PDB file of N, CA and C in Angstrom:
ATOM      1  N   MET A   1     104.423 112.366 163.150  1.00  0.00           N
ATOM      2  CA  MET A   1     105.012 113.533 162.517  1.00  0.00           C
ATOM      3  C   MET A   1     104.138 113.931 161.325  1.00  0.00           C
ATOM      4  N   ASN A   2     104.003 115.209 161.112  1.00  0.00           N
ATOM      5  CA  ASN A   2     103.226 115.732 160.002  1.00  0.00           C
ATOM      6  C   ASN A   2     103.946 115.417 158.694  1.00  0.00           C
ATOM      7  N   GLU A   3     103.221 114.890 157.705  1.00  0.00           N
ATOM      8  CA  GLU A   3     103.847 114.493 156.442  1.00  0.00           C
ATOM      9  C   GLU A   3     104.294 115.687 155.599  1.00  0.00           C
ATOM     10  N   ASN A   4     103.758 116.881 155.891  1.00  0.00           N
ATOM     11  CA  ASN A   4     104.150 118.066 155.136  1.00  0.00           C
ATOM     12  C   ASN A   4     105.501 118.619 155.580  1.00  0.00           C
ATOM     13  N   ILE A   5     105.978 118.197 156.727  1.00  0.00           N
ATOM     14  CA  ILE A   5     107.258 118.670 157.236  1.00  0.00           C
ATOM     15  C   ILE A   5     108.319 117.632 156.911  1.00  0.00           C
ATOM     16  N   ILE A   6     109.318 118.050 156.174  1.00  0.00           N
ATOM     17  CA  ILE A   6     110.402 117.143 155.792  1.00  0.00           C
ATOM     18  C   ILE A   6     111.612 117.462 156.650  1.00  0.00           C
ATOM     19  N   PRO A   7     112.136 116.488 157.382  1.00  0.00           N
ATOM     20  CA  PRO A   7     113.337 116.742 158.188  1.00  0.00           C
ATOM     21  C   PRO A   7     114.506 117.145 157.285  1.00  0.00           C
ATOM     22  N   ILE A   8     115.368 117.981 157.805  1.00  0.00           N
ATOM     23  CA  ILE A   8     116.488 118.498 157.013  1.00  0.00           C
ATOM     24  C   ILE A   8     117.379 117.371 156.508  1.00  0.00           C
ATOM     25  N   ASN A   9     117.696 116.409 157.349  1.00  0.00           N
ATOM     26  CA  ASN A   9     118.603 115.343 156.915  1.00  0.00           C
ATOM     27  C   ASN A   9     117.973 114.485 155.816  1.00  0.00           C
ATOM     28  N   ARG A  10     116.649 114.285 155.827  1.00  0.00           N
ATOM     29  CA  ARG A  10     115.999 113.523 154.766  1.00  0.00           C
ATOM     30  C   ARG A  10     115.990 114.325 153.466  1.00  0.00           C
ATOM     31  N   HIS A  11     115.883 115.626 153.592  1.00  0.00           N
ATOM     32  CA  HIS A  11     115.854 116.501 152.422  1.00  0.00           C
ATOM     33  C   HIS A  11     117.160 116.388 151.629  1.00  0.00           C
ATOM     34  N   THR A  12     118.273 116.339 152.308  1.00  0.00           N
ATOM     35  CA  THR A  12     119.563 116.246 151.621  1.00  0.00           C
ATOM     36  C   THR A  12     119.776 114.871 151.005  1.00  0.00           C
ATOM     37  N   GLN A  13     119.183 113.846 151.573  1.00  0.00           N
ATOM     38  CA  GLN A  13     119.327 112.513 151.005  1.00  0.00           C
ATOM     39  C   GLN A  13     118.594 112.395 149.672  1.00  0.00           C
ATOM     40  N   ASP A  14     117.496 113.136 149.515  1.00  0.00           N
ATOM     41  CA  ASP A  14     116.699 113.052 148.297  1.00  0.00           C
ATOM     42  C   ASP A  14     117.285 113.852 147.141  1.00  0.00           C
ATOM     43  N   MET A  15     118.256 114.704 147.422  1.00  0.00           N
ATOM     44  CA  MET A  15     118.821 115.535 146.359  1.00  0.00           C
ATOM     45  C   MET A  15     119.716 114.690 145.455  1.00  0.00           C
ATOM     46  N   PRO A  16     119.528 114.798 144.139  1.00  0.00           N
ATOM     47  CA  PRO A  16     120.363 114.004 143.226  1.00  0.00           C
ATOM     48  C   PRO A  16     121.793 114.535 143.183  1.00  0.00           C
ATOM     49  N   ASN A  17     122.712 113.638 142.941  1.00  0.00           N
ATOM     50  CA  ASN A  17     124.108 114.027 142.799  1.00  0.00           C
ATOM     51  C   ASN A  17     124.339 114.410 141.340  1.00  0.00           C
ATOM     52  N   ASN A  18     124.584 115.683 141.084  1.00  0.00           N
ATOM     53  CA  ASN A  18     124.752 116.133 139.703  1.00  0.00           C
ATOM     54  C   ASN A  18     126.169 116.625 139.431  1.00  0.00           C
ATOM     55  N   GLY A  19     127.135 116.233 140.235  1.00  0.00           N
ATOM     56  CA  GLY A  19     128.516 116.668 140.053  1.00  0.00           C
ATOM     57  C   GLY A  19     129.092 116.243 138.719  1.00  0.00           C
ATOM     58  N   SER A  20     128.877 115.004 138.307  1.00  0.00           N
ATOM     59  CA  SER A  20     129.448 114.547 137.044  1.00  0.00           C
ATOM     60  C   SER A  20     128.773 115.211 135.858  1.00  0.00           C
ATOM     61  N   MET A  21     127.505 115.536 136.009  1.00  0.00           N
ATOM     62  CA  MET A  21     126.800 116.190 134.923  1.00  0.00           C
ATOM     63  C   MET A  21     127.406 117.573 134.663  1.00  0.00           C
ATOM     64  N   ILE A  22     127.776 118.280 135.713  1.00  0.00           N
ATOM     65  CA  ILE A  22     128.381 119.598 135.555  1.00  0.00           C
ATOM     66  C   ILE A  22     129.834 119.471 135.112  1.00  0.00           C
ATOM     67  N   GLU A  23     130.577 118.565 135.721  1.00  0.00           N
ATOM     68  CA  GLU A  23     132.000 118.428 135.419  1.00  0.00           C
ATOM     69  C   GLU A  23     132.250 117.991 133.981  1.00  0.00           C
ATOM     70  N   ASN A  24     131.423 117.122 133.451  1.00  0.00           N
ATOM     71  CA  ASN A  24     131.642 116.585 132.111  1.00  0.00           C
ATOM     72  C   ASN A  24     130.626 117.127 131.112  1.00  0.00           C
ATOM     73  N   SER A  25     130.220 118.359 131.284  1.00  0.00           N
ATOM     74  CA  SER A  25     129.182 118.915 130.417  1.00  0.00           C
ATOM     75  C   SER A  25     129.727 119.350 129.059  1.00  0.00           C
ATOM     76  N   GLY A  26     131.029 119.470 128.903  1.00  0.00           N
ATOM     77  CA  GLY A  26     131.610 119.861 127.627  1.00  0.00           C
ATOM     78  C   GLY A  26     131.699 121.358 127.419  1.00  0.00           C
ATOM     79  N   ASN A  27     131.385 122.124 128.431  1.00  0.00           N
ATOM     80  CA  ASN A  27     131.482 123.580 128.296  1.00  0.00           C
ATOM     81  C   ASN A  27     132.942 124.003 128.227  1.00  0.00           C
ATOM     82  N   SER A  28     133.216 125.091 127.482  1.00  0.00           N
ATOM     83  CA  SER A  28     134.589 125.565 127.383  1.00  0.00           C
ATOM     84  C   SER A  28     135.035 126.257 128.657  1.00  0.00           C
ATOM     85  N   GLU A  29     136.324 126.337 128.784  1.00  0.00           N
ATOM     86  CA  GLU A  29     136.907 127.025 129.936  1.00  0.00           C
ATOM     87  C   GLU A  29     136.799 128.526 129.705  1.00  0.00           C
ATOM     88  N   VAL A  30     136.339 129.236 130.705  1.00  0.00           N
ATOM     89  CA  VAL A  30     136.113 130.673 130.577  1.00  0.00           C
ATOM     90  C   VAL A  30     136.916 131.400 131.643  1.00  0.00           C
ATOM     91  N   HIS A  31     137.637 132.437 131.235  1.00  0.00           N
ATOM     92  CA  HIS A  31     138.380 133.279 132.170  1.00  0.00           C
ATOM     93  C   HIS A  31     137.721 134.649 132.188  1.00  0.00           C
ATOM     94  N   ILE A  32     137.417 135.127 133.380  1.00  0.00           N
ATOM     95  CA  ILE A  32     136.773 136.428 133.517  1.00  0.00           C
ATOM     96  C   ILE A  32     137.621 137.300 134.424  1.00  0.00           C
ATOM     97  N   ASP A  33     137.948 138.487 133.950  1.00  0.00           N
ATOM     98  CA  ASP A  33     138.653 139.479 134.759  1.00  0.00           C
ATOM     99  C   ASP A  33     137.666 140.582 135.085  1.00  0.00           C
ATOM    100  N   ILE A  34     137.549 140.905 136.356  1.00  0.00           N
ATOM    101  CA  ILE A  34     136.656 141.973 136.789  1.00  0.00           C
ATOM    102  C   ILE A  34     137.507 143.098 137.350  1.00  0.00           C
ATOM    103  N   HIS A  35     137.339 144.274 136.794  1.00  0.00           N
ATOM    104  CA  HIS A  35     138.083 145.446 137.246  1.00  0.00           C
ATOM    105  C   HIS A  35     137.097 146.432 137.851  1.00  0.00           C
ATOM    106  N   ILE A  36     137.318 146.795 139.096  1.00  0.00           N
ATOM    107  CA  ILE A  36     136.440 147.724 139.794  1.00  0.00           C
ATOM    108  C   ILE A  36     137.226 148.990 140.095  1.00  0.00           C
ATOM    109  N   ASP A  37     136.696 150.109 139.655  1.00  0.00           N
ATOM    110  CA  ASP A  37     137.348 151.394 139.892  1.00  0.00           C
ATOM    111  C   ASP A  37     137.030 151.842 141.314  1.00  0.00           C
ATOM    112  N   THR A  38     138.029 151.805 142.175  1.00  0.00           N
ATOM    113  CA  THR A  38     137.842 152.210 143.572  1.00  0.00           C
ATOM    114  C   THR A  38     138.292 153.643 143.818  1.00  0.00           C
ATOM    115  N   MET A  39     138.646 154.350 142.762  1.00  0.00           N
ATOM    116  CA  MET A  39     139.092 155.737 142.896  1.00  0.00           C
ATOM    117  C   MET A  39     138.027 156.618 143.558  1.00  0.00           C
ATOM    118  N   PRO A  40     136.747 156.527 143.176  1.00  0.00           N
ATOM    119  CA  PRO A  40     135.742 157.364 143.844  1.00  0.00           C
ATOM    120  C   PRO A  40     135.631 157.088 145.346  1.00  0.00           C
ATOM    121  N   ILE A  41     135.794 155.835 145.740  1.00  0.00           N
ATOM    122  CA  ILE A  41     135.729 155.490 147.164  1.00  0.00           C
ATOM    123  C   ILE A  41     136.922 156.086 147.899  1.00  0.00           C
ATOM    124  N   ALA A  42     138.105 155.953 147.312  1.00  0.00           N
ATOM    125  CA  ALA A  42     139.308 156.505 147.939  1.00  0.00           C
ATOM    126  C   ALA A  42     139.205 158.021 148.068  1.00  0.00           C
ATOM    127  N   PHE A  43     138.687 158.676 147.031  1.00  0.00           N
ATOM    128  CA  PHE A  43     138.525 160.127 147.072  1.00  0.00           C
ATOM    129  C   PHE A  43     137.510 160.517 148.146  1.00  0.00           C
ATOM    130  N   ALA A  44     136.430 159.752 148.278  1.00  0.00           N
ATOM    131  CA  ALA A  44     135.422 160.034 149.305  1.00  0.00           C
ATOM    132  C   ALA A  44     136.007 159.895 150.706  1.00  0.00           C
ATOM    133  N   ILE A  45     136.877 158.916 150.901  1.00  0.00           N
ATOM    134  CA  ILE A  45     137.521 158.735 152.208  1.00  0.00           C
ATOM    135  C   ILE A  45     138.422 159.929 152.514  1.00  0.00           C
ATOM    136  N   LEU A  46     139.172 160.385 151.510  1.00  0.00           N
ATOM    137  CA  LEU A  46     140.019 161.567 151.714  1.00  0.00           C
ATOM    138  C   LEU A  46     139.176 162.796 152.046  1.00  0.00           C
ATOM    139  N   CYS A  47     138.087 163.000 151.314  1.00  0.00           N
ATOM    140  CA  CYS A  47     137.207 164.151 151.581  1.00  0.00           C
ATOM    141  C   CYS A  47     136.597 164.067 152.970  1.00  0.00           C
ATOM    142  N   SER A  48     136.224 162.867 153.381  1.00  0.00           N
ATOM    143  CA  SER A  48     135.647 162.676 154.712  1.00  0.00           C
ATOM    144  C   SER A  48     136.666 163.002 155.798  1.00  0.00           C
ATOM    145  N   ALA A  49     137.902 162.566 155.607  1.00  0.00           N
ATOM    146  CA  ALA A  49     138.956 162.858 156.583  1.00  0.00           C
ATOM    147  C   ALA A  49     139.237 164.354 156.652  1.00  0.00           C
ATOM    148  N   LEU A  50     139.198 165.032 155.510  1.00  0.00           N
ATOM    149  CA  LEU A  50     139.407 166.479 155.493  1.00  0.00           C
ATOM    150  C   LEU A  50     138.254 167.193 156.197  1.00  0.00           C
ATOM    151  N   ALA A  51     137.026 166.766 155.919  1.00  0.00           N
ATOM    152  CA  ALA A  51     135.856 167.398 156.537  1.00  0.00           C
ATOM    153  C   ALA A  51     135.823 167.181 158.044  1.00  0.00           C
ATOM    154  N   ALA A  52     136.313 166.024 158.500  1.00  0.00           N
ATOM    155  CA  ALA A  52     136.336 165.715 159.934  1.00  0.00           C
ATOM    156  C   ALA A  52     137.574 166.297 160.613  1.00  0.00           C
ATOM    157  N   LYS A  53     138.352 167.070 159.860  1.00  0.00           N
ATOM    158  CA  LYS A  53     139.585 167.696 160.358  1.00  0.00           C
ATOM    159  C   LYS A  53     140.584 166.668 160.894  1.00  0.00           C
ATOM    160  N   GLN A  54     140.601 165.513 160.233  1.00  0.00           N
ATOM    161  CA  GLN A  54     141.577 164.486 160.574  1.00  0.00           C
ATOM    162  C   GLN A  54     142.871 164.687 159.785  1.00  0.00           C
ATOM    163  N   MET A  55     142.835 165.586 158.809  1.00  0.00           N
ATOM    164  CA  MET A  55     144.030 165.934 158.045  1.00  0.00           C
ATOM    165  C   MET A  55     143.912 167.387 157.606  1.00  0.00           C
ATOM    166  N   SER A  56     145.065 167.982 157.379  1.00  0.00           N
ATOM    167  CA  SER A  56     145.085 169.379 156.931  1.00  0.00           C
ATOM    168  C   SER A  56     144.872 169.429 155.415  1.00  0.00           C
ATOM    169  N   LYS A  57     144.669 170.639 154.903  1.00  0.00           N
ATOM    170  CA  LYS A  57     144.489 170.823 153.455  1.00  0.00           C
ATOM    171  C   LYS A  57     145.745 170.405 152.700  1.00  0.00           C
ATOM    172  N   GLU A  58     146.904 170.679 153.278  1.00  0.00           N
ATOM    173  CA  GLU A  58     148.166 170.287 152.641  1.00  0.00           C
ATOM    174  C   GLU A  58     148.289 168.761 152.589  1.00  0.00           C
ATOM    175  N   GLU A  59     147.931 168.096 153.692  1.00  0.00           N
ATOM    176  CA  GLU A  59     147.974 166.627 153.712  1.00  0.00           C
ATOM    177  C   GLU A  59     146.983 166.046 152.703  1.00  0.00           C
ATOM    178  N   PHE A  60     145.811 166.670 152.612  1.00  0.00           N
ATOM    179  CA  PHE A  60     144.812 166.224 151.637  1.00  0.00           C
ATOM    180  C   PHE A  60     145.353 166.353 150.218  1.00  0.00           C
ATOM    181  N   ASP A  61     145.934 167.510 149.905  1.00  0.00           N
ATOM    182  CA  ASP A  61     146.473 167.735 148.563  1.00  0.00           C
ATOM    183  C   ASP A  61     147.567 166.724 148.224  1.00  0.00           C
ATOM    184  N   MET A  62     148.442 166.453 149.190  1.00  0.00           N
ATOM    185  CA  MET A  62     149.519 165.494 148.959  1.00  0.00           C
ATOM    186  C   MET A  62     148.945 164.081 148.764  1.00  0.00           C
ATOM    187  N   ALA A  63     147.980 163.703 149.604  1.00  0.00           N
ATOM    188  CA  ALA A  63     147.381 162.370 149.490  1.00  0.00           C
ATOM    189  C   ALA A  63     146.636 162.220 148.165  1.00  0.00           C
ATOM    190  N   TYR A  64     145.933 163.273 147.755  1.00  0.00           N
ATOM    191  CA  TYR A  64     145.197 163.218 146.491  1.00  0.00           C
ATOM    192  C   TYR A  64     146.154 163.098 145.301  1.00  0.00           C
ATOM    193  N   THR A  65     147.249 163.830 145.345  1.00  0.00           N
ATOM    194  CA  THR A  65     148.252 163.745 144.278  1.00  0.00           C
ATOM    195  C   THR A  65     148.840 162.344 144.209  1.00  0.00           C
ATOM    196  N   ARG A  66     149.166 161.764 145.362  1.00  0.00           N
ATOM    197  CA  ARG A  66     149.720 160.403 145.388  1.00  0.00           C
ATOM    198  C   ARG A  66     148.695 159.383 144.890  1.00  0.00           C
ATOM    199  N   LEU A  67     147.436 159.605 145.245  1.00  0.00           N
ATOM    200  CA  LEU A  67     146.371 158.712 144.785  1.00  0.00           C
ATOM    201  C   LEU A  67     146.247 158.756 143.259  1.00  0.00           C
ATOM    202  N   GLN A  68     146.305 159.947 142.692  1.00  0.00           N
ATOM    203  CA  GLN A  68     146.252 160.080 141.233  1.00  0.00           C
ATOM    204  C   GLN A  68     147.453 159.408 140.568  1.00  0.00           C
ATOM    205  N   GLU A  69     148.636 159.555 141.158  1.00  0.00           N
ATOM    206  CA  GLU A  69     149.834 158.925 140.598  1.00  0.00           C
ATOM    207  C   GLU A  69     149.714 157.405 140.631  1.00  0.00           C
ATOM    208  N   MET A  70     149.253 156.870 141.755  1.00  0.00           N
ATOM    209  CA  MET A  70     149.078 155.416 141.854  1.00  0.00           C
ATOM    210  C   MET A  70     148.061 154.929 140.829  1.00  0.00           C
ATOM    211  N   ASN A  71     146.993 155.670 140.673  1.00  0.00           N
ATOM    212  CA  ASN A  71     145.956 155.290 139.714  1.00  0.00           C
ATOM    213  C   ASN A  71     146.490 155.345 138.287  1.00  0.00           C
ATOM    214  N   ARG A  72     147.267 156.361 137.979  1.00  0.00           N
ATOM    215  CA  ARG A  72     147.858 156.504 136.645  1.00  0.00           C
ATOM    216  C   ARG A  72     148.818 155.346 136.365  1.00  0.00           C
ATOM    217  N   GLU A  73     149.664 155.002 137.347  1.00  0.00           N
ATOM    218  CA  GLU A  73     150.611 153.892 137.181  1.00  0.00           C
ATOM    219  C   GLU A  73     149.877 152.575 136.991  1.00  0.00           C
ATOM    220  N   HIS A  74     148.838 152.362 137.775  1.00  0.00           N
ATOM    221  CA  HIS A  74     148.076 151.113 137.675  1.00  0.00           C
ATOM    222  C   HIS A  74     147.393 150.999 136.314  1.00  0.00           C
ATOM    223  N   ASN A  75     146.790 152.090 135.862  1.00  0.00           N
ATOM    224  CA  ASN A  75     146.095 152.063 134.573  1.00  0.00           C
ATOM    225  C   ASN A  75     147.049 151.875 133.410  1.00  0.00           C
ATOM    226  N   SER A  76     148.271 152.368 133.527  1.00  0.00           N
ATOM    227  CA  SER A  76     149.227 152.179 132.432  1.00  0.00           C
ATOM    228  C   SER A  76     149.731 150.738 132.387  1.00  0.00           C
ATOM    229  N   ASN A  77     149.728 150.050 133.531  1.00  0.00           N
ATOM    230  CA  ASN A  77     150.188 148.656 133.571  1.00  0.00           C
ATOM    231  C   ASN A  77     149.113 147.675 133.138  1.00  0.00           C
ATOM    232  N   THR A  78     147.852 148.004 133.329  1.00  0.00           N
ATOM    233  CA  THR A  78     146.774 147.063 133.026  1.00  0.00           C
ATOM    234  C   THR A  78     145.741 147.701 132.113  1.00  0.00           C
ATOM    235  N   SER A  79     146.182 148.199 131.005  1.00  0.00           N
ATOM    236  CA  SER A  79     145.233 148.862 130.110  1.00  0.00           C
ATOM    237  C   SER A  79     144.446 147.834 129.312  1.00  0.00           C
ATOM    238  N   VAL A  80     143.238 148.199 128.976  1.00  0.00           N
ATOM    239  CA  VAL A  80     142.376 147.329 128.185  1.00  0.00           C
ATOM    240  C   VAL A  80     142.976 147.111 126.809  1.00  0.00           C
ATOM    241  N   LYS A  81     143.673 148.102 126.301  1.00  0.00           N
ATOM    242  CA  LYS A  81     144.301 147.992 124.987  1.00  0.00           C
ATOM    243  C   LYS A  81     145.285 146.827 124.959  1.00  0.00           C
ATOM    244  N   GLN A  82     146.065 146.662 126.021  1.00  0.00           N
ATOM    245  CA  GLN A  82     147.020 145.558 126.084  1.00  0.00           C
ATOM    246  C   GLN A  82     146.294 144.221 126.071  1.00  0.00           C
ATOM    247  N   ILE A  83     145.192 144.117 126.794  1.00  0.00           N
ATOM    248  CA  ILE A  83     144.444 142.864 126.867  1.00  0.00           C
ATOM    249  C   ILE A  83     143.836 142.534 125.510  1.00  0.00           C
ATOM    250  N   ILE A  84     143.262 143.518 124.837  1.00  0.00           N
ATOM    251  CA  ILE A  84     142.661 143.290 123.522  1.00  0.00           C
ATOM    252  C   ILE A  84     143.723 142.858 122.521  1.00  0.00           C
ATOM    253  N   ASN A  85     144.875 143.521 122.515  1.00  0.00           N
ATOM    254  CA  ASN A  85     145.954 143.145 121.601  1.00  0.00           C
ATOM    255  C   ASN A  85     146.432 141.728 121.871  1.00  0.00           C
ATOM    256  N   GLN A  86     146.464 141.327 123.121  1.00  0.00           N
ATOM    257  CA  GLN A  86     146.896 139.978 123.473  1.00  0.00           C
ATOM    258  C   GLN A  86     145.922 138.953 122.899  1.00  0.00           C
ATOM    259  N   GLU A  87     144.618 139.224 122.974  1.00  0.00           N
ATOM    260  CA  GLU A  87     143.625 138.294 122.447  1.00  0.00           C
ATOM    261  C   GLU A  87     143.725 138.186 120.929  1.00  0.00           C
ATOM    262  N   ILE A  88     144.022 139.280 120.251  1.00  0.00           N
ATOM    263  CA  ILE A  88     144.130 139.265 118.790  1.00  0.00           C
ATOM    264  C   ILE A  88     145.331 138.440 118.358  1.00  0.00           C
ATOM    265  N   GLU A  89     146.444 138.541 119.097  1.00  0.00           N
ATOM    266  CA  GLU A  89     147.663 137.811 118.750  1.00  0.00           C
ATOM    267  C   GLU A  89     147.493 136.313 118.926  1.00  0.00           C
ATOM    268  N   GLU A  90     146.669 135.899 119.888  1.00  0.00           N
ATOM    269  CA  GLU A  90     146.477 134.463 120.134  1.00  0.00           C
ATOM    270  C   GLU A  90     145.616 133.910 119.064  1.00  0.00           C
TER     271      GLU A  90
END
């Protein structure tokens, strides 16, 4: 066998076990919240359906209004202001 070729199973045996080094590193616990605005995607889907004549103009208007209402309700429940105030109080 060519010495430059390392079999896959031998390669994994040579890897050091660093689980304890990561687990007991002393780093603080971090919580990350990621918020992605999907409103542009939803609007694009509605526009595409209207352009493909899969819905009427009235159906589009109703769906767009409902989409805005859902977005408004969601934003009022999870505002950044509430999160910032919570961090200040702690």
